[in-house]
Protein backbone atom coordinates (compact mmCIF):
# COMPACT_ATOMS: atom_id res chain seq x y z
CA MET A 1 -63.49 -129.72 27.17
CA HIS A 2 -64.00 -131.60 23.56
CA LEU A 3 -60.66 -133.30 22.59
CA ALA A 4 -59.78 -134.96 19.13
CA GLN A 5 -57.71 -138.20 20.30
CA ALA A 6 -55.66 -138.25 17.02
CA ASP A 7 -55.02 -134.17 17.67
CA ASN A 8 -51.14 -133.92 16.22
CA VAL A 9 -51.77 -129.80 16.23
CA THR A 10 -52.49 -129.80 19.98
CA PRO A 11 -51.75 -133.15 21.88
CA VAL A 12 -54.54 -134.34 24.48
CA TRP A 13 -52.23 -135.07 26.86
CA ARG A 14 -51.45 -131.09 27.12
CA CYS A 15 -55.44 -130.47 27.36
CA GLU A 16 -55.63 -133.15 30.05
CA ARG A 17 -53.03 -131.28 32.17
CA VAL A 18 -54.68 -128.24 32.13
CA ALA A 19 -57.76 -129.88 33.30
CA GLN A 20 -56.21 -131.32 35.81
CA ARG A 21 -54.98 -128.46 37.62
CA ALA A 22 -58.46 -126.93 37.42
CA PRO A 23 -60.53 -127.04 40.89
CA SER A 24 -62.36 -130.30 41.14
CA GLY A 25 -65.70 -130.46 39.16
CA LEU A 26 -64.72 -127.47 37.26
CA THR A 27 -63.85 -128.68 34.11
CA LYS A 28 -65.39 -131.70 32.21
CA VAL A 29 -63.07 -133.65 29.45
CA LEU A 30 -64.53 -135.45 26.72
CA SER A 31 -62.23 -137.00 23.97
CA TYR A 32 -63.51 -138.27 20.56
CA PRO A 33 -61.61 -141.34 19.36
CA ASP A 34 -60.15 -140.93 15.58
CA ALA A 35 -60.82 -137.58 15.65
CA HIS A 36 -58.18 -134.70 14.36
CA HIS A 37 -57.84 -131.23 15.22
CA GLY A 38 -60.55 -128.96 13.80
CA PHE A 39 -62.91 -132.19 13.94
CA ASP A 40 -66.04 -129.78 14.00
CA ALA A 41 -65.43 -127.66 11.11
CA ASP A 42 -67.53 -129.40 8.35
CA GLU A 43 -65.83 -127.09 5.78
CA LEU A 44 -62.57 -129.30 6.43
CA PRO A 45 -61.89 -132.66 4.54
CA ALA A 46 -61.87 -135.71 6.65
CA ARG A 47 -58.09 -135.51 6.96
CA LEU A 48 -55.65 -132.74 5.89
CA ALA A 49 -52.07 -132.83 6.61
CA TYR A 50 -50.12 -129.32 6.74
CA GLY A 51 -47.32 -128.01 7.93
CA LEU A 52 -48.08 -127.98 11.86
CA GLY A 53 -49.92 -131.23 12.09
CA THR A 54 -53.37 -132.66 10.77
CA VAL A 55 -56.69 -131.34 10.81
CA GLY A 56 -60.08 -132.76 9.63
CA TYR A 57 -63.75 -133.26 10.00
CA HIS A 58 -65.08 -135.87 11.91
CA PRO A 59 -69.29 -135.84 11.75
CA VAL A 60 -70.12 -138.27 14.40
CA ALA A 61 -67.58 -136.25 16.94
CA ALA A 62 -68.85 -133.05 15.75
CA ALA A 63 -72.75 -134.00 15.95
CA ALA A 64 -71.77 -135.55 19.82
CA ALA A 65 -69.71 -132.37 20.70
CA TRP A 66 -72.56 -130.53 19.50
CA GLU A 67 -74.99 -132.59 21.65
CA GLU A 68 -72.84 -132.13 24.40
CA THR A 69 -72.62 -128.56 24.05
CA GLN A 70 -76.20 -128.21 23.52
CA ARG A 71 -76.90 -130.45 27.08
CA PHE A 72 -74.68 -128.17 29.01
CA LEU A 73 -75.87 -124.72 27.78
CA THR A 74 -79.54 -125.97 28.66
CA ALA A 75 -78.94 -127.45 32.14
CA SER A 76 -80.33 -125.93 35.13
CA PRO A 77 -78.14 -125.10 37.48
């Protein structure tokens, strides 16, 4: 799970609670400080408040998440 620490649309604690219920070792949780909901959507501005919360592109978090995803997808079982 790639979680944005500044996410006020889907709060981190809710996602962490879901991950804690998964069998041990099944879920890996990574969180990115100062990142908002949609942090990997490069078409978004850095911060955009709207009715449900705040979204925003965070290039450092997006790059880290992509790198981790590539590592996961190319890992040998």
